[in-house]
Amino acid sequence: MKKAIARGNPKGMAPPGRSDTGYHHGELQEALIAASEAILAEHGADGFTLREAARRAGVSPAAPSHHFGNAQGLLTEVAIRGYEALAAALLQAASGKRNARDRLHAQGLAYVEFALTHPGRFQMMFANKRLVADDERLRAAIKAAGREFERVVAELAGGTPKQTGIAAAAAWSTVHGFAKLALEGKFGAGNDEAGRREIMRMLVQVLNHLWPRDARDVA
């Protein structure tokens, strides 16, 4: 399996003001990841280039390849961290809720909120052709995020592990599809606070329709 991160000391000429060797190994990795996150936030997945990430980090265009192998390696690391952040958001959303149904609703809201807050990162997390698909850490991060839904669905639906897996896939598919449609503007503009509130109100109605917490809450 091709490793997503290649070890080695960066070489080559760097842009004025910063030499590649001005960073420690880990510092340069973090600088490139931060630059990539900024590009994704500003321009989305389609606007990312390895050269621009290197420029923003203040290093030579060749420097990223010494640490991540290629653009896929760097973006895979960004995606891994995105899934880790998503899993943490789902876990936090479910904590303190009184029952499984409330926890599932909270996780659905957290999932879409994550997508609306980090649209570029979210899109890249699912841009399989731009990632190292067989990276073990990426696979583990994806499974960890999915398990947060599975735990709650297992409480709510019960049944065999296979049935729980199917129910969790249904829950994930629902909120992921909603998030994708929201990012595409199908539920109105979500680039301001008022627009996001309206999108989230619609999501609450969708969740109440599929997994009603109380008959009085169903619109």
N, C-alpha and C. Protein backbone atom coordinates (compact mmCIF):
# COMPACT_ATOMS: atom_id res chain seq x y z
N MET A 1 0.84 -1.20 0.00
CA MET A 1 0.00 0.00 0.00
C MET A 1 0.87 1.24 0.00
N LYS A 2 0.56 2.20 -0.85
CA LYS A 2 1.33 3.42 -0.91
C LYS A 2 1.05 4.28 0.31
N LYS A 3 2.10 4.68 0.99
CA LYS A 3 1.91 5.46 2.20
C LYS A 3 1.50 6.87 1.83
N ALA A 4 0.58 7.43 2.66
CA ALA A 4 0.09 8.77 2.39
C ALA A 4 1.12 9.81 2.79
N ILE A 5 2.02 9.49 3.74
CA ILE A 5 2.99 10.45 4.22
C ILE A 5 4.37 9.88 4.00
N ALA A 6 5.19 10.60 3.29
CA ALA A 6 6.55 10.15 3.02
C ALA A 6 7.50 10.88 3.94
N ARG A 7 8.46 10.16 4.48
CA ARG A 7 9.45 10.74 5.36
C ARG A 7 10.61 11.29 4.54
N GLY A 8 11.26 12.30 5.06
CA GLY A 8 12.42 12.84 4.39
C GLY A 8 12.58 14.31 4.68
N ASN A 9 13.78 14.86 4.42
CA ASN A 9 14.04 16.26 4.62
C ASN A 9 13.70 17.03 3.36
N PRO A 10 12.96 18.13 3.46
CA PRO A 10 12.60 18.89 2.27
C PRO A 10 13.84 19.49 1.63
N LYS A 11 13.86 19.50 0.30
CA LYS A 11 14.96 20.08 -0.44
C LYS A 11 14.42 21.06 -1.46
N GLY A 12 15.34 21.77 -2.11
CA GLY A 12 14.93 22.68 -3.18
C GLY A 12 14.85 24.10 -2.69
N MET A 13 14.74 25.01 -3.62
CA MET A 13 14.71 26.42 -3.30
C MET A 13 13.33 26.81 -2.79
N ALA A 14 13.29 27.61 -1.75
CA ALA A 14 12.02 28.08 -1.19
C ALA A 14 11.80 29.52 -1.60
N PRO A 15 10.57 29.99 -1.56
CA PRO A 15 10.29 31.38 -1.87
C PRO A 15 11.00 32.29 -0.88
N PRO A 16 11.26 33.55 -1.26
CA PRO A 16 11.93 34.48 -0.36
C PRO A 16 11.17 34.61 0.95
N GLY A 17 11.88 34.71 2.03
CA GLY A 17 11.27 34.94 3.33
C GLY A 17 11.12 33.69 4.17
N ARG A 18 11.27 32.53 3.56
CA ARG A 18 11.15 31.30 4.33
C ARG A 18 11.88 30.19 3.59
N SER A 19 12.79 29.53 4.26
CA SER A 19 13.42 28.36 3.66
C SER A 19 12.70 27.12 4.15
N ASP A 20 12.68 26.09 3.32
CA ASP A 20 12.00 24.86 3.71
C ASP A 20 12.56 24.32 5.02
N THR A 21 13.87 24.44 5.19
CA THR A 21 14.49 23.92 6.40
C THR A 21 14.28 24.82 7.60
N GLY A 22 13.54 25.95 7.40
CA GLY A 22 13.21 26.80 8.54
C GLY A 22 12.16 26.19 9.43
N TYR A 23 11.53 25.13 8.96
CA TYR A 23 10.54 24.40 9.73
C TYR A 23 11.16 23.11 10.28
N HIS A 24 10.71 22.72 11.46
CA HIS A 24 10.95 21.34 11.87
C HIS A 24 9.99 20.46 11.07
N HIS A 25 10.28 19.17 11.03
CA HIS A 25 9.50 18.23 10.21
C HIS A 25 8.00 18.34 10.51
N GLY A 26 7.64 18.24 11.77
CA GLY A 26 6.22 18.30 12.14
C GLY A 26 5.62 19.66 11.90
N GLU A 27 6.41 20.71 12.07
CA GLU A 27 5.89 22.06 11.87
C GLU A 27 5.53 22.30 10.42
N LEU A 28 6.36 21.80 9.51
CA LEU A 28 6.06 21.98 8.09
C LEU A 28 4.81 21.21 7.70
N GLN A 29 4.65 20.01 8.22
CA GLN A 29 3.42 19.26 7.95
C GLN A 29 2.20 20.05 8.41
N GLU A 30 2.26 20.59 9.62
CA GLU A 30 1.12 21.34 10.16
C GLU A 30 0.87 22.60 9.33
N ALA A 31 1.95 23.27 8.88
CA ALA A 31 1.79 24.48 8.07
C ALA A 31 1.12 24.16 6.74
N LEU A 32 1.48 23.04 6.13
CA LEU A 32 0.87 22.65 4.86
C LEU A 32 -0.59 22.24 5.04
N ILE A 33 -0.88 21.56 6.13
CA ILE A 33 -2.27 21.17 6.42
C ILE A 33 -3.12 22.42 6.66
N ALA A 34 -2.58 23.37 7.43
CA ALA A 34 -3.32 24.61 7.70
C ALA A 34 -3.55 25.39 6.41
N ALA A 35 -2.53 25.43 5.54
CA ALA A 35 -2.68 26.13 4.26
C ALA A 35 -3.75 25.45 3.41
N SER A 36 -3.76 24.13 3.41
CA SER A 36 -4.76 23.38 2.64
C SER A 36 -6.16 23.65 3.16
N GLU A 37 -6.32 23.67 4.48
CA GLU A 37 -7.62 23.95 5.08
C GLU A 37 -8.10 25.34 4.67
N ALA A 38 -7.19 26.31 4.65
CA ALA A 38 -7.56 27.67 4.27
C ALA A 38 -8.01 27.74 2.82
N ILE A 39 -7.30 27.05 1.94
CA ILE A 39 -7.68 27.02 0.52
C ILE A 39 -9.06 26.40 0.35
N LEU A 40 -9.30 25.29 1.03
CA LEU A 40 -10.60 24.62 0.93
C LEU A 40 -11.72 25.52 1.45
N ALA A 41 -11.45 26.24 2.54
CA ALA A 41 -12.47 27.13 3.11
C ALA A 41 -12.79 28.27 2.15
N GLU A 42 -11.80 28.75 1.43
CA GLU A 42 -11.99 29.90 0.55
C GLU A 42 -12.49 29.51 -0.83
N HIS A 43 -11.99 28.39 -1.36
CA HIS A 43 -12.24 28.07 -2.77
C HIS A 43 -12.88 26.70 -2.99
N GLY A 44 -13.10 25.94 -1.93
CA GLY A 44 -13.69 24.63 -2.08
C GLY A 44 -12.71 23.60 -2.60
N ALA A 45 -13.20 22.36 -2.73
CA ALA A 45 -12.34 21.26 -3.14
C ALA A 45 -11.75 21.48 -4.53
N ASP A 46 -12.52 22.09 -5.44
CA ASP A 46 -12.05 22.28 -6.80
C ASP A 46 -10.96 23.34 -6.90
N GLY A 47 -10.84 24.18 -5.88
CA GLY A 47 -9.86 25.26 -5.93
C GLY A 47 -8.52 24.90 -5.32
N PHE A 48 -8.36 23.65 -4.88
CA PHE A 48 -7.11 23.26 -4.22
C PHE A 48 -6.04 22.90 -5.24
N THR A 49 -4.81 23.41 -5.01
CA THR A 49 -3.63 22.97 -5.74
C THR A 49 -2.49 22.81 -4.76
N LEU A 50 -1.62 21.86 -5.03
CA LEU A 50 -0.47 21.63 -4.17
C LEU A 50 0.47 22.83 -4.20
N ARG A 51 0.62 23.43 -5.35
CA ARG A 51 1.50 24.60 -5.48
C ARG A 51 1.02 25.75 -4.61
N GLU A 52 -0.31 25.97 -4.58
CA GLU A 52 -0.84 27.06 -3.76
C GLU A 52 -0.67 26.77 -2.27
N ALA A 53 -0.83 25.50 -1.89
CA ALA A 53 -0.60 25.13 -0.48
C ALA A 53 0.84 25.41 -0.09
N ALA A 54 1.79 25.06 -0.97
CA ALA A 54 3.20 25.32 -0.70
C ALA A 54 3.47 26.82 -0.61
N ARG A 55 2.87 27.59 -1.52
CA ARG A 55 3.08 29.03 -1.52
C ARG A 55 2.60 29.65 -0.21
N ARG A 56 1.42 29.22 0.24
CA ARG A 56 0.87 29.79 1.48
C ARG A 56 1.69 29.38 2.70
N ALA A 57 2.27 28.19 2.65
CA ALA A 57 3.11 27.75 3.76
C ALA A 57 4.49 28.38 3.69
N GLY A 58 4.81 29.04 2.56
CA GLY A 58 6.08 29.72 2.42
C GLY A 58 7.24 28.79 2.13
N VAL A 59 6.98 27.71 1.39
CA VAL A 59 8.03 26.75 1.07
C VAL A 59 8.03 26.50 -0.43
N SER A 60 9.03 25.76 -0.89
CA SER A 60 9.16 25.49 -2.32
C SER A 60 8.05 24.55 -2.78
N PRO A 61 7.70 24.60 -4.06
CA PRO A 61 6.66 23.70 -4.59
C PRO A 61 6.97 22.23 -4.39
N ALA A 62 8.27 21.90 -4.26
CA ALA A 62 8.64 20.49 -4.09
C ALA A 62 8.52 20.02 -2.65
N ALA A 63 8.46 20.95 -1.71
CA ALA A 63 8.50 20.57 -0.29
C ALA A 63 7.36 19.63 0.13
N PRO A 64 6.10 19.87 -0.30
CA PRO A 64 5.03 18.97 0.17
C PRO A 64 5.25 17.51 -0.19
N SER A 65 5.89 17.25 -1.33
CA SER A 65 6.06 15.87 -1.75
C SER A 65 6.97 15.10 -0.82
N HIS A 66 7.87 15.79 -0.12
CA HIS A 66 8.78 15.10 0.80
C HIS A 66 8.07 14.66 2.07
N HIS A 67 6.92 15.25 2.34
CA HIS A 67 6.19 14.94 3.58
C HIS A 67 4.92 14.14 3.34
N PHE A 68 4.29 14.36 2.17
CA PHE A 68 3.00 13.72 1.91
C PHE A 68 2.98 12.91 0.63
N GLY A 69 4.07 12.87 -0.09
CA GLY A 69 4.14 12.10 -1.32
C GLY A 69 3.61 12.86 -2.52
N ASN A 70 2.37 13.33 -2.43
CA ASN A 70 1.74 14.08 -3.52
C ASN A 70 0.50 14.78 -2.96
N ALA A 71 -0.26 15.39 -3.87
CA ALA A 71 -1.46 16.10 -3.43
C ALA A 71 -2.45 15.17 -2.74
N GLN A 72 -2.58 13.94 -3.25
CA GLN A 72 -3.49 12.98 -2.62
C GLN A 72 -3.10 12.71 -1.18
N GLY A 73 -1.79 12.59 -0.93
CA GLY A 73 -1.34 12.33 0.43
C GLY A 73 -1.69 13.46 1.38
N LEU A 74 -1.48 14.70 0.93
CA LEU A 74 -1.80 15.86 1.76
C LEU A 74 -3.31 15.95 2.00
N LEU A 75 -4.09 15.80 0.96
CA LEU A 75 -5.54 15.89 1.11
C LEU A 75 -6.10 14.74 1.93
N THR A 76 -5.45 13.59 1.88
CA THR A 76 -5.88 12.47 2.72
C THR A 76 -5.70 12.81 4.19
N GLU A 77 -4.60 13.45 4.52
CA GLU A 77 -4.39 13.87 5.92
C GLU A 77 -5.44 14.89 6.34
N VAL A 78 -5.77 15.81 5.44
CA VAL A 78 -6.84 16.78 5.73
C VAL A 78 -8.17 16.06 5.96
N ALA A 79 -8.47 15.06 5.12
CA ALA A 79 -9.73 14.31 5.26
C ALA A 79 -9.76 13.52 6.56
N ILE A 80 -8.63 12.91 6.93
CA ILE A 80 -8.56 12.16 8.19
C ILE A 80 -8.92 13.07 9.36
N ARG A 81 -8.32 14.24 9.37
CA ARG A 81 -8.61 15.18 10.47
C ARG A 81 -10.06 15.66 10.41
N GLY A 82 -10.59 15.77 9.21
CA GLY A 82 -12.00 16.14 9.09
C GLY A 82 -12.92 15.10 9.69
N TYR A 83 -12.66 13.82 9.41
CA TYR A 83 -13.48 12.75 9.98
C TYR A 83 -13.32 12.69 11.50
N GLU A 84 -12.11 12.93 11.98
CA GLU A 84 -11.89 12.94 13.43
C GLU A 84 -12.68 14.06 14.08
N ALA A 85 -12.68 15.23 13.44
CA ALA A 85 -13.45 16.36 13.97
C ALA A 85 -14.95 16.09 13.91
N LEU A 86 -15.39 15.44 12.84
CA LEU A 86 -16.81 15.10 12.71
C LEU A 86 -17.22 14.11 13.78
N ALA A 87 -16.40 13.09 14.02
CA ALA A 87 -16.72 12.11 15.07
C ALA A 87 -16.82 12.78 16.43
N ALA A 88 -15.90 13.72 16.70
CA ALA A 88 -15.94 14.44 17.97
C ALA A 88 -17.20 15.28 18.09
N ALA A 89 -17.61 15.90 16.98
CA ALA A 89 -18.82 16.72 17.00
C ALA A 89 -20.06 15.86 17.24
N LEU A 90 -20.11 14.69 16.64
CA LEU A 90 -21.25 13.78 16.84
C LEU A 90 -21.30 13.27 18.27
N LEU A 91 -20.13 12.95 18.82
CA LEU A 91 -20.06 12.47 20.19
C LEU A 91 -20.52 13.54 21.17
N GLN A 92 -20.05 14.76 20.95
CA GLN A 92 -20.43 15.86 21.83
C GLN A 92 -21.91 16.17 21.73
N ALA A 93 -22.44 16.11 20.50
CA ALA A 93 -23.85 16.41 20.30
C ALA A 93 -24.76 15.45 21.07
N ALA A 94 -24.34 14.19 21.12
CA ALA A 94 -25.17 13.17 21.77
C ALA A 94 -25.05 13.18 23.28
N SER A 95 -23.99 13.75 23.80
CA SER A 95 -23.76 13.70 25.24
C SER A 95 -24.79 14.54 25.99
N GLY A 96 -25.27 14.02 27.09
CA GLY A 96 -26.19 14.76 27.94
C GLY A 96 -27.64 14.72 27.51
N LYS A 97 -27.94 14.08 26.37
CA LYS A 97 -29.33 14.01 25.92
C LYS A 97 -30.07 12.91 26.68
N ARG A 98 -31.37 13.07 26.87
CA ARG A 98 -32.11 12.22 27.79
C ARG A 98 -32.41 10.83 27.23
N ASN A 99 -32.48 10.70 25.89
CA ASN A 99 -32.79 9.39 25.32
C ASN A 99 -32.17 9.27 23.94
N ALA A 100 -32.25 8.07 23.37
CA ALA A 100 -31.60 7.79 22.10
C ALA A 100 -32.18 8.63 20.97
N ARG A 101 -33.48 8.86 20.99
CA ARG A 101 -34.09 9.63 19.91
C ARG A 101 -33.58 11.07 19.92
N ASP A 102 -33.45 11.65 21.10
CA ASP A 102 -32.90 13.00 21.20
C ASP A 102 -31.43 13.02 20.76
N ARG A 103 -30.72 11.97 21.10
CA ARG A 103 -29.32 11.91 20.69
C ARG A 103 -29.19 11.82 19.17
N LEU A 104 -30.08 11.04 18.53
CA LEU A 104 -30.03 10.92 17.08
C LEU A 104 -30.36 12.26 16.42
N HIS A 105 -31.34 12.96 16.93
CA HIS A 105 -31.68 14.28 16.39
C HIS A 105 -30.51 15.23 16.55
N ALA A 106 -29.88 15.22 17.71
CA ALA A 106 -28.75 16.12 17.96
C ALA A 106 -27.60 15.81 17.02
N GLN A 107 -27.36 14.54 16.77
CA GLN A 107 -26.28 14.17 15.85
C GLN A 107 -26.60 14.60 14.42
N GLY A 108 -27.85 14.46 14.01
CA GLY A 108 -28.23 14.91 12.67
C GLY A 108 -27.99 16.40 12.50
N LEU A 109 -28.37 17.17 13.51
CA LEU A 109 -28.15 18.61 13.46
C LEU A 109 -26.66 18.94 13.44
N ALA A 110 -25.89 18.22 14.24
CA ALA A 110 -24.45 18.46 14.30
C ALA A 110 -23.77 18.13 12.98
N TYR A 111 -24.24 17.09 12.33
CA TYR A 111 -23.65 16.67 11.05
C TYR A 111 -23.84 17.77 10.00
N VAL A 112 -25.04 18.25 9.87
CA VAL A 112 -25.32 19.28 8.87
C VAL A 112 -24.64 20.59 9.25
N GLU A 113 -24.61 20.91 10.52
CA GLU A 113 -23.92 22.12 10.97
C GLU A 113 -22.44 22.05 10.63
N PHE A 114 -21.84 20.88 10.79
CA PHE A 114 -20.44 20.68 10.43
C PHE A 114 -20.24 20.96 8.94
N ALA A 115 -21.12 20.43 8.11
CA ALA A 115 -21.00 20.62 6.66
C ALA A 115 -21.14 22.09 6.27
N LEU A 116 -22.08 22.78 6.89
CA LEU A 116 -22.30 24.20 6.57
C LEU A 116 -21.17 25.08 7.07
N THR A 117 -20.56 24.68 8.18
CA THR A 117 -19.48 25.48 8.76
C THR A 117 -18.16 25.24 8.02
N HIS A 118 -17.95 24.01 7.54
CA HIS A 118 -16.70 23.66 6.87
C HIS A 118 -17.00 23.04 5.50
N PRO A 119 -17.60 23.80 4.58
CA PRO A 119 -18.03 23.20 3.32
C PRO A 119 -16.89 22.64 2.47
N GLY A 120 -15.77 23.35 2.39
CA GLY A 120 -14.64 22.87 1.60
C GLY A 120 -14.06 21.59 2.16
N ARG A 121 -13.85 21.55 3.46
CA ARG A 121 -13.32 20.35 4.11
C ARG A 121 -14.31 19.20 3.95
N PHE A 122 -15.59 19.47 4.14
CA PHE A 122 -16.61 18.44 4.03
C PHE A 122 -16.62 17.83 2.64
N GLN A 123 -16.57 18.66 1.61
CA GLN A 123 -16.57 18.16 0.24
C GLN A 123 -15.33 17.30 -0.02
N MET A 124 -14.18 17.73 0.49
CA MET A 124 -12.96 16.98 0.26
C MET A 124 -12.99 15.63 0.97
N MET A 125 -13.63 15.55 2.13
CA MET A 125 -13.72 14.29 2.86
C MET A 125 -14.38 13.20 2.04
N PHE A 126 -15.24 13.58 1.10
CA PHE A 126 -15.98 12.60 0.31
C PHE A 126 -15.55 12.62 -1.16
N ALA A 127 -14.45 13.32 -1.46
CA ALA A 127 -13.92 13.36 -2.83
C ALA A 127 -12.95 12.19 -3.01
N ASN A 128 -13.50 10.99 -3.12
CA ASN A 128 -12.68 9.77 -3.07
C ASN A 128 -11.56 9.73 -4.10
N LYS A 129 -11.79 10.26 -5.28
CA LYS A 129 -10.78 10.20 -6.33
C LYS A 129 -9.57 11.06 -6.02
N ARG A 130 -9.71 12.00 -5.08
CA ARG A 130 -8.60 12.89 -4.74
C ARG A 130 -7.88 12.44 -3.47
N LEU A 131 -8.32 11.31 -2.91
CA LEU A 131 -7.73 10.80 -1.67
C LEU A 131 -7.07 9.46 -1.92
N VAL A 132 -6.21 9.06 -0.98
CA VAL A 132 -5.61 7.72 -1.03
C VAL A 132 -6.63 6.77 -0.42
N ALA A 133 -7.42 6.15 -1.29
CA ALA A 133 -8.60 5.41 -0.83
C ALA A 133 -8.26 4.25 0.10
N ASP A 134 -7.08 3.64 -0.07
CA ASP A 134 -6.74 2.47 0.75
C ASP A 134 -5.89 2.84 1.96
N ASP A 135 -5.83 4.12 2.30
CA ASP A 135 -5.09 4.53 3.49
C ASP A 135 -5.77 3.99 4.74
N GLU A 136 -5.04 3.27 5.55
CA GLU A 136 -5.63 2.61 6.73
C GLU A 136 -6.15 3.62 7.74
N ARG A 137 -5.43 4.72 7.93
CA ARG A 137 -5.88 5.73 8.89
C ARG A 137 -7.16 6.40 8.41
N LEU A 138 -7.28 6.62 7.11
CA LEU A 138 -8.51 7.21 6.57
C LEU A 138 -9.69 6.27 6.79
N ARG A 139 -9.49 4.99 6.48
CA ARG A 139 -10.57 4.02 6.70
C ARG A 139 -11.00 3.96 8.16
N ALA A 140 -10.02 4.00 9.05
CA ALA A 140 -10.34 3.94 10.48
C ALA A 140 -11.10 5.18 10.92
N ALA A 141 -10.73 6.35 10.39
CA ALA A 141 -11.41 7.59 10.76
C ALA A 141 -12.85 7.60 10.26
N ILE A 142 -13.06 7.07 9.05
CA ILE A 142 -14.42 6.99 8.50
C ILE A 142 -15.28 6.07 9.36
N LYS A 143 -14.73 4.92 9.73
CA LYS A 143 -15.48 3.97 10.56
C LYS A 143 -15.79 4.56 11.94
N ALA A 144 -14.84 5.31 12.49
CA ALA A 144 -15.05 5.91 13.82
C ALA A 144 -16.21 6.90 13.78
N ALA A 145 -16.30 7.69 12.72
CA ALA A 145 -17.41 8.63 12.60
C ALA A 145 -18.74 7.88 12.44
N GLY A 146 -18.72 6.82 11.65
CA GLY A 146 -19.94 6.02 11.46
C GLY A 146 -20.40 5.34 12.73
N ARG A 147 -19.45 4.94 13.56
CA ARG A 147 -19.82 4.26 14.81
C ARG A 147 -20.61 5.16 15.75
N GLU A 148 -20.40 6.49 15.65
CA GLU A 148 -21.16 7.39 16.52
C GLU A 148 -22.65 7.30 16.20
N PHE A 149 -23.00 7.17 14.93
CA PHE A 149 -24.40 6.95 14.55
C PHE A 149 -24.85 5.56 14.99
N GLU A 150 -24.00 4.57 14.78
CA GLU A 150 -24.39 3.19 15.07
C GLU A 150 -24.73 2.99 16.55
N ARG A 151 -23.95 3.62 17.43
CA ARG A 151 -24.21 3.48 18.87
C ARG A 151 -25.61 3.97 19.23
N VAL A 152 -25.97 5.13 18.68
CA VAL A 152 -27.26 5.72 19.01
C VAL A 152 -28.40 4.93 18.37
N VAL A 153 -28.20 4.54 17.11
CA VAL A 153 -29.24 3.77 16.41
C VAL A 153 -29.45 2.42 17.09
N ALA A 154 -28.38 1.81 17.59
CA ALA A 154 -28.50 0.53 18.30
C ALA A 154 -29.39 0.68 19.52
N GLU A 155 -29.26 1.80 20.23
CA GLU A 155 -30.13 2.07 21.38
C GLU A 155 -31.57 2.27 20.94
N LEU A 156 -31.73 2.97 19.83
CA LEU A 156 -33.07 3.36 19.39
C LEU A 156 -33.82 2.21 18.74
N ALA A 157 -33.14 1.48 17.85
CA ALA A 157 -33.82 0.47 17.05
C ALA A 157 -33.64 -0.95 17.56
N GLY A 158 -32.52 -1.20 18.23
CA GLY A 158 -32.26 -2.55 18.68
C GLY A 158 -32.06 -3.47 17.48
N GLY A 159 -32.38 -4.75 17.65
CA GLY A 159 -32.25 -5.70 16.56
C GLY A 159 -30.87 -6.30 16.48
N THR A 160 -30.63 -7.04 15.42
CA THR A 160 -29.35 -7.69 15.21
C THR A 160 -28.31 -6.67 14.77
N PRO A 161 -27.02 -7.01 14.86
CA PRO A 161 -25.99 -6.09 14.38
C PRO A 161 -26.20 -5.68 12.92
N LYS A 162 -26.65 -6.62 12.09
CA LYS A 162 -26.90 -6.29 10.69
C LYS A 162 -28.03 -5.28 10.56
N GLN A 163 -29.10 -5.47 11.34
CA GLN A 163 -30.22 -4.53 11.30
C GLN A 163 -29.81 -3.15 11.79
N THR A 164 -28.98 -3.15 12.83
CA THR A 164 -28.48 -1.88 13.35
C THR A 164 -27.63 -1.17 12.31
N GLY A 165 -26.79 -1.93 11.62
CA GLY A 165 -25.96 -1.34 10.58
C GLY A 165 -26.78 -0.71 9.47
N ILE A 166 -27.86 -1.39 9.09
CA ILE A 166 -28.74 -0.87 8.04
C ILE A 166 -29.43 0.41 8.51
N ALA A 167 -29.91 0.41 9.75
CA ALA A 167 -30.58 1.59 10.29
C ALA A 167 -29.62 2.76 10.41
N ALA A 168 -28.37 2.48 10.82
CA ALA A 168 -27.36 3.54 10.93
C ALA A 168 -27.03 4.10 9.55
N ALA A 169 -26.94 3.22 8.56
CA ALA A 169 -26.68 3.68 7.19
C ALA A 169 -27.82 4.57 6.70
N ALA A 170 -29.05 4.23 7.07
CA ALA A 170 -30.20 5.05 6.69
C ALA A 170 -30.12 6.43 7.33
N ALA A 171 -29.74 6.45 8.62
CA ALA A 171 -29.62 7.73 9.32
C ALA A 171 -28.53 8.58 8.71
N TRP A 172 -27.37 7.97 8.46
CA TRP A 172 -26.25 8.70 7.88
C TRP A 172 -26.62 9.20 6.47
N SER A 173 -27.24 8.34 5.67
CA SER A 173 -27.61 8.73 4.32
C SER A 173 -28.57 9.91 4.33
N THR A 174 -29.49 9.92 5.27
CA THR A 174 -30.47 11.00 5.36
C THR A 174 -29.79 12.34 5.62
N VAL A 175 -28.97 12.40 6.66
CA VAL A 175 -28.37 13.69 7.01
C VAL A 175 -27.29 14.09 6.01
N HIS A 176 -26.59 13.08 5.44
CA HIS A 176 -25.57 13.42 4.45
C HIS A 176 -26.21 13.98 3.19
N GLY A 177 -27.29 13.33 2.75
CA GLY A 177 -27.99 13.83 1.58
C GLY A 177 -28.54 15.23 1.81
N PHE A 178 -29.08 15.47 3.00
CA PHE A 178 -29.59 16.80 3.33
C PHE A 178 -28.46 17.81 3.31
N ALA A 179 -27.31 17.45 3.88
CA ALA A 179 -26.16 18.36 3.91
C ALA A 179 -25.70 18.71 2.50
N LYS A 180 -25.63 17.70 1.62
CA LYS A 180 -25.20 17.93 0.24
C LYS A 180 -26.17 18.87 -0.47
N LEU A 181 -27.46 18.63 -0.32
CA LEU A 181 -28.45 19.48 -0.95
C LEU A 181 -28.38 20.90 -0.40
N ALA A 182 -28.16 21.02 0.90
CA ALA A 182 -28.05 22.35 1.51
C ALA A 182 -26.85 23.11 0.95
N LEU A 183 -25.71 22.42 0.81
CA LEU A 183 -24.51 23.07 0.27
C LEU A 183 -24.69 23.47 -1.19
N GLU A 184 -25.56 22.76 -1.90
CA GLU A 184 -25.84 23.10 -3.30
C GLU A 184 -26.91 24.18 -3.43
N GLY A 185 -27.39 24.68 -2.30
CA GLY A 185 -28.35 25.77 -2.32
C GLY A 185 -29.78 25.36 -2.58
N LYS A 186 -30.08 24.06 -2.45
CA LYS A 186 -31.43 23.59 -2.75
C LYS A 186 -32.45 24.00 -1.69
N PHE A 187 -31.98 24.38 -0.50
CA PHE A 187 -32.87 24.81 0.57
C PHE A 187 -32.70 26.30 0.87
N GLY A 188 -32.21 27.05 -0.09
CA GLY A 188 -31.97 28.47 0.11
C GLY A 188 -30.51 28.74 0.43
N ALA A 189 -30.15 29.99 0.41
CA ALA A 189 -28.76 30.39 0.67
C ALA A 189 -28.40 30.11 2.12
N GLY A 190 -27.25 29.44 2.30
CA GLY A 190 -26.80 29.14 3.66
C GLY A 190 -25.54 29.86 4.02
N ASN A 191 -25.25 30.96 3.31
CA ASN A 191 -24.00 31.67 3.57
C ASN A 191 -24.15 32.83 4.55
N ASP A 192 -25.31 32.91 5.20
CA ASP A 192 -25.47 33.90 6.28
C ASP A 192 -26.24 33.24 7.43
N GLU A 193 -26.28 33.92 8.55
CA GLU A 193 -26.86 33.33 9.76
C GLU A 193 -28.35 33.05 9.58
N ALA A 194 -29.07 33.98 8.95
CA ALA A 194 -30.51 33.79 8.76
C ALA A 194 -30.78 32.58 7.85
N GLY A 195 -29.99 32.45 6.79
CA GLY A 195 -30.16 31.33 5.89
C GLY A 195 -29.88 30.00 6.56
N ARG A 196 -28.85 29.97 7.39
CA ARG A 196 -28.51 28.73 8.10
C ARG A 196 -29.60 28.35 9.08
N ARG A 197 -30.16 29.34 9.78
CA ARG A 197 -31.24 29.04 10.72
C ARG A 197 -32.42 28.43 10.01
N GLU A 198 -32.75 28.93 8.83
CA GLU A 198 -33.88 28.40 8.07
C GLU A 198 -33.60 26.97 7.63
N ILE A 199 -32.38 26.71 7.19
CA ILE A 199 -32.00 25.35 6.78
C ILE A 199 -32.09 24.39 7.97
N MET A 200 -31.62 24.83 9.13
CA MET A 200 -31.66 23.96 10.30
C MET A 200 -33.09 23.73 10.77
N ARG A 201 -33.96 24.73 10.62
CA ARG A 201 -35.37 24.53 10.97
C ARG A 201 -36.00 23.48 10.06
N MET A 202 -35.65 23.52 8.78
CA MET A 202 -36.16 22.51 7.86
C MET A 202 -35.65 21.13 8.25
N LEU A 203 -34.38 21.04 8.64
CA LEU A 203 -33.81 19.76 9.04
C LEU A 203 -34.54 19.20 10.25
N VAL A 204 -34.86 20.04 11.21
CA VAL A 204 -35.62 19.58 12.39
C VAL A 204 -36.93 18.94 11.95
N GLN A 205 -37.61 19.55 10.99
CA GLN A 205 -38.87 19.00 10.49
C GLN A 205 -38.66 17.65 9.81
N VAL A 206 -37.56 17.54 9.05
CA VAL A 206 -37.25 16.27 8.39
C VAL A 206 -36.98 15.18 9.42
N LEU A 207 -36.19 15.50 10.42
CA LEU A 207 -35.88 14.51 11.45
C LEU A 207 -37.12 14.12 12.25
N ASN A 208 -37.97 15.09 12.53
CA ASN A 208 -39.21 14.79 13.25
C ASN A 208 -40.15 13.92 12.42
N HIS A 209 -40.09 14.09 11.10
CA HIS A 209 -40.92 13.28 10.22
C HIS A 209 -40.45 11.83 10.21
N LEU A 210 -39.12 11.63 10.17
CA LEU A 210 -38.57 10.28 10.09
C LEU A 210 -38.46 9.60 11.44
N TRP A 211 -38.03 10.36 12.45
CA TRP A 211 -37.83 9.80 13.80
C TRP A 211 -38.47 10.75 14.81
N PRO A 212 -39.81 10.81 14.85
CA PRO A 212 -40.49 11.78 15.72
C PRO A 212 -40.16 11.57 17.19
N ARG A 213 -39.78 12.66 17.85
CA ARG A 213 -39.54 12.59 19.29
C ARG A 213 -40.84 12.63 20.05
N ASP A 214 -41.78 13.39 19.48
CA ASP A 214 -43.08 13.55 20.13
C ASP A 214 -44.06 13.90 19.02
N ALA A 215 -45.24 13.32 19.07
CA ALA A 215 -46.23 13.54 18.00
C ALA A 215 -46.51 15.03 17.83
N ARG A 216 -46.42 15.80 18.90
CA ARG A 216 -46.71 17.23 18.80
C ARG A 216 -45.64 17.98 18.05
N ASP A 217 -44.43 17.38 17.89
CA ASP A 217 -43.34 18.05 17.21
C ASP A 217 -43.38 17.86 15.71
N VAL A 218 -44.16 16.91 15.20
CA VAL A 218 -44.17 16.61 13.78
C VAL A 218 -44.94 17.70 13.03
N ALA A 219 -44.24 18.30 12.04
CA ALA A 219 -44.88 19.39 11.28
C ALA A 219 -45.69 18.82 10.12
